[in-house]
Amino acid sequence: MVLKRLSQLELAACVLLLAAITGLVFVAALMRFFGHPLTWSVDMAQLLFIWLCMLGASRAMREKSHLGMEVLVKYLSPPHRLWLEMFCSVVTLGFLGVLVVLGFQLAWLNRERTFGDSTLSYAWVTVAVPVGCALLAASLIYNMIIAWRERDIAGGKLVYTRVASDRDAPEILEL
């Protein structure tokens, strides 16, 4: 229940960010056409876009919607595939952990730097990466737990790859 509410909040934030970016770029183009450019609009659109990318990446991870390569993996049996995906997940979690730690350090270093023509701190841009990586890690851990718990159930589940049981399940994330 809590996961569903968080997912709905995440989806709502993504929808709002995309609408804000679209509206901002439209208004900026319109104002530029009339000879009154908004100098801060590009910076703000970039700021919103990085946050949209990070929230969207977390959502895609939870729904197993990221692009993948199955050239060799599709020939493995389900148990071997699960072990390979678990190994890749552990490596990915290590990388995400490094990005979280170093990202927060970078955000702290950039707190006094201003972002483009705005008066916003550049830390708002750089902090999107560690926050997004932490959300990605949480989504990945969630997928790993579900895959491990249901590994023996009729074909099992996988961490990254949708299986038949995933396709037949009702949508978890809806607005």
Protein backbone atom coordinates (compact mmCIF):
# COMPACT_ATOMS: atom_id res chain seq x y z
CA MET A 1 0.00 0.00 0.00
CA VAL A 2 2.81 2.41 0.89
CA LEU A 3 4.68 1.45 -2.30
CA LYS A 4 1.58 2.12 -4.38
CA ARG A 5 1.16 5.59 -2.83
CA LEU A 6 4.83 6.41 -3.35
CA SER A 7 4.56 5.21 -6.94
CA GLN A 8 1.52 7.39 -7.51
CA LEU A 9 3.37 10.36 -6.03
CA GLU A 10 6.36 9.64 -8.26
CA LEU A 11 4.15 9.38 -11.34
CA ALA A 12 2.34 12.61 -10.46
CA ALA A 13 5.69 14.37 -10.03
CA CYS A 14 6.84 13.09 -13.44
CA VAL A 15 3.64 14.26 -15.11
CA LEU A 16 3.88 17.68 -13.46
CA LEU A 17 7.55 18.05 -14.36
CA LEU A 18 6.91 17.14 -18.00
CA ALA A 19 3.99 19.57 -18.17
CA ALA A 20 6.08 22.32 -16.57
CA ILE A 21 8.98 21.74 -18.98
CA THR A 22 6.64 21.76 -21.98
CA GLY A 23 4.85 24.89 -20.81
CA LEU A 24 8.08 26.67 -19.95
CA VAL A 25 9.69 25.94 -23.32
CA PHE A 26 6.51 27.02 -25.13
CA VAL A 27 6.24 30.30 -23.21
CA ALA A 28 9.97 30.96 -23.67
CA ALA A 29 9.69 30.44 -27.43
CA LEU A 30 6.64 32.67 -27.58
CA MET A 31 8.33 35.42 -25.56
CA ARG A 32 11.46 35.18 -27.72
CA PHE A 33 9.28 35.55 -30.83
CA PHE A 34 7.82 38.77 -29.42
CA GLY A 35 11.27 40.14 -28.57
CA HIS A 36 11.20 39.58 -24.79
CA PRO A 37 13.29 36.45 -24.16
CA LEU A 38 13.18 34.77 -20.76
CA THR A 39 16.86 34.33 -19.98
CA TRP A 40 16.25 31.96 -17.10
CA SER A 41 13.90 29.60 -18.99
CA VAL A 42 16.57 27.33 -20.47
CA ASP A 43 18.25 26.87 -17.10
CA MET A 44 14.94 26.10 -15.41
CA ALA A 45 13.96 23.63 -18.14
CA GLN A 46 17.30 21.84 -17.72
CA LEU A 47 16.85 21.69 -13.95
CA LEU A 48 13.36 20.22 -14.27
CA PHE A 49 14.52 17.81 -16.98
CA ILE A 50 17.27 16.24 -14.86
CA TRP A 51 14.77 15.64 -12.07
CA LEU A 52 12.30 14.17 -14.56
CA CYS A 53 14.99 11.82 -15.88
CA MET A 54 15.91 10.59 -12.43
CA LEU A 55 12.32 10.04 -11.28
CA GLY A 56 11.48 8.38 -14.59
CA ALA A 57 14.49 6.08 -14.35
CA SER A 58 13.35 4.90 -10.93
CA ARG A 59 9.86 4.23 -12.22
CA ALA A 60 11.22 2.37 -15.24
CA MET A 61 13.40 0.23 -12.98
CA ARG A 62 10.47 -0.73 -10.78
CA GLU A 63 8.38 -1.64 -13.83
CA LYS A 64 11.28 -3.46 -15.51
CA SER A 65 11.00 -1.12 -18.49
CA HIS A 66 14.66 -0.23 -19.03
CA LEU A 67 16.24 -1.33 -22.26
CA GLY A 68 18.19 -4.52 -22.02
CA MET A 69 20.27 -6.85 -24.11
CA GLU A 70 19.18 -10.44 -24.21
CA VAL A 71 21.44 -11.75 -26.96
CA LEU A 72 23.17 -14.32 -24.75
CA VAL A 73 21.01 -14.23 -21.65
CA LYS A 74 17.86 -15.53 -23.34
CA TYR A 75 19.53 -18.93 -23.80
CA LEU A 76 20.04 -19.41 -20.06
CA SER A 77 17.62 -21.37 -17.92
CA PRO A 78 15.44 -19.31 -15.52
CA PRO A 79 17.51 -20.18 -12.41
CA HIS A 80 20.78 -19.28 -14.13
CA ARG A 81 19.24 -16.13 -15.50
CA LEU A 82 18.11 -15.12 -12.02
CA TRP A 83 21.62 -15.64 -10.63
CA LEU A 84 23.12 -13.59 -13.45
CA GLU A 85 20.60 -10.79 -12.88
CA MET A 86 21.26 -10.90 -9.12
CA PHE A 87 25.01 -10.61 -9.75
CA CYS A 88 24.47 -7.68 -12.13
CA SER A 89 22.17 -6.09 -9.55
CA VAL A 90 24.79 -6.27 -6.82
CA VAL A 91 27.38 -4.66 -9.13
CA THR A 92 24.83 -2.00 -10.11
CA LEU A 93 23.97 -1.33 -6.46
CA GLY A 94 27.66 -0.79 -5.73
CA PHE A 95 27.91 1.70 -8.59
CA LEU A 96 24.72 3.49 -7.50
CA GLY A 97 26.08 3.65 -3.94
CA VAL A 98 29.25 5.36 -5.18
CA LEU A 99 27.14 7.83 -7.19
CA VAL A 100 25.01 8.60 -4.13
CA VAL A 101 27.99 9.32 -1.88
CA LEU A 102 30.00 11.28 -4.44
CA GLY A 103 26.88 13.02 -5.73
CA PHE A 104 26.00 14.39 -2.32
CA GLN A 105 29.60 15.55 -1.89
CA LEU A 106 29.43 17.32 -5.25
CA ALA A 107 26.08 18.91 -4.38
CA TRP A 108 27.57 20.18 -1.12
CA LEU A 109 30.52 21.69 -2.99
CA ASN A 110 28.16 23.40 -5.46
CA ARG A 111 25.80 24.91 -2.92
CA GLU A 112 27.18 28.44 -3.31
CA ARG A 113 27.52 28.33 -7.10
CA THR A 114 24.60 29.90 -8.95
CA PHE A 115 22.84 28.11 -11.76
CA GLY A 116 23.13 30.01 -15.04
CA ASP A 117 21.22 33.29 -15.09
CA SER A 118 19.03 32.37 -12.15
CA THR A 119 19.70 32.91 -8.48
CA LEU A 120 19.19 29.22 -7.71
CA SER A 121 22.00 27.20 -6.22
CA TYR A 122 23.64 24.75 -8.62
CA ALA A 123 23.26 22.18 -5.84
CA TRP A 124 19.61 21.75 -6.92
CA VAL A 125 20.92 20.34 -10.20
CA THR A 126 23.69 18.18 -8.80
CA VAL A 127 21.61 16.74 -5.96
CA ALA A 128 19.24 15.19 -8.52
CA VAL A 129 21.83 12.53 -9.33
CA PRO A 130 22.33 11.13 -5.81
CA VAL A 131 18.61 11.35 -5.04
CA GLY A 132 17.78 9.64 -8.32
CA CYS A 133 20.42 6.97 -7.75
CA ALA A 134 19.06 6.31 -4.25
CA LEU A 135 15.57 5.89 -5.73
CA LEU A 136 16.97 3.62 -8.44
CA ALA A 137 18.74 1.54 -5.80
CA ALA A 138 15.54 1.23 -3.76
CA SER A 139 13.61 0.12 -6.86
CA LEU A 140 16.33 -2.36 -7.74
CA ILE A 141 16.38 -3.81 -4.23
CA TYR A 142 12.58 -4.13 -4.36
CA ASN A 143 12.83 -6.03 -7.67
CA MET A 144 15.56 -8.26 -6.24
CA ILE A 145 13.46 -9.14 -3.19
CA ILE A 146 10.39 -9.97 -5.30
CA ALA A 147 12.47 -12.05 -7.73
CA TRP A 148 14.11 -13.96 -4.89
CA ARG A 149 10.84 -14.61 -3.04
CA GLU A 150 9.07 -15.86 -6.16
CA ARG A 151 11.96 -17.72 -7.77
CA ASP A 152 10.30 -21.14 -7.36
CA ILE A 153 6.81 -20.12 -8.45
CA ALA A 154 5.92 -21.32 -11.99
CA GLY A 155 8.76 -19.92 -14.02
CA GLY A 156 9.80 -17.52 -11.29
CA LYS A 157 10.43 -13.82 -11.51
CA LEU A 158 13.49 -11.96 -12.66
CA VAL A 159 15.07 -8.70 -11.52
CA TYR A 160 15.25 -6.81 -14.81
CA THR A 161 13.28 -8.91 -17.25
CA ARG A 162 9.52 -9.13 -17.42
CA VAL A 163 8.27 -12.70 -17.46
CA ALA A 164 4.78 -14.02 -18.20
CA SER A 165 3.66 -13.54 -14.58
CA ASP A 166 4.71 -9.87 -14.77
CA ARG A 167 2.77 -9.29 -17.97
CA ASP A 168 -0.40 -10.86 -16.57
CA ALA A 169 -0.29 -8.93 -13.29
CA PRO A 170 -2.40 -5.80 -12.92
CA GLU A 171 -0.61 -2.48 -13.23
CA ILE A 172 1.02 -1.52 -9.94
CA LEU A 173 1.69 2.10 -10.81
CA GLU A 174 -1.29 4.14 -11.79
CA LEU A 175 -2.31 7.70 -11.19
